[in-house]
Amino acid sequence: MCRALKLLCAAPDRDCLGALKRATVAAHWELVGGATSLQELVKQADEWRPDIVVVDGGMGVGAVTGVRARLPSVRIVSVGPLAGADEVARSLDGVREAILGLPPIGGPVHQ
């Protein structure tokens, strides 16, 4: 069974979140939720169980550690450097490329 990757975005305010979502959206994956605080991010990570979280650097390193505490295997892309992110996009223009540069999501195949 195939399914689209689920991506969750987080930024420090609604305007930044909107810009981040527009930079992230693509036909290859599904955007779920969107958080503007660490509490919202952790809650939505629990709810949506995303494959990838895209975090604006303005959220701080707490966003990375907070998500990793809940979902240790989630892939994290940061816009701007954040310690612990799997991939870094220098700007919004590089977000999709950073997502595509992540190692494939996978695990053991059971038949």
Foldseek 3Di string as FASTA:
>chain_A
DDDAFEEEEEAQDDVVQVLLCVLADDPRHHYDYYYNALVVLLVVCVVVVGQEYEYECNRALSNQVSSCVVPVNRAYEYQDDHPPHPFYNVHSNCNNVRVVPGDDDDDDDDD
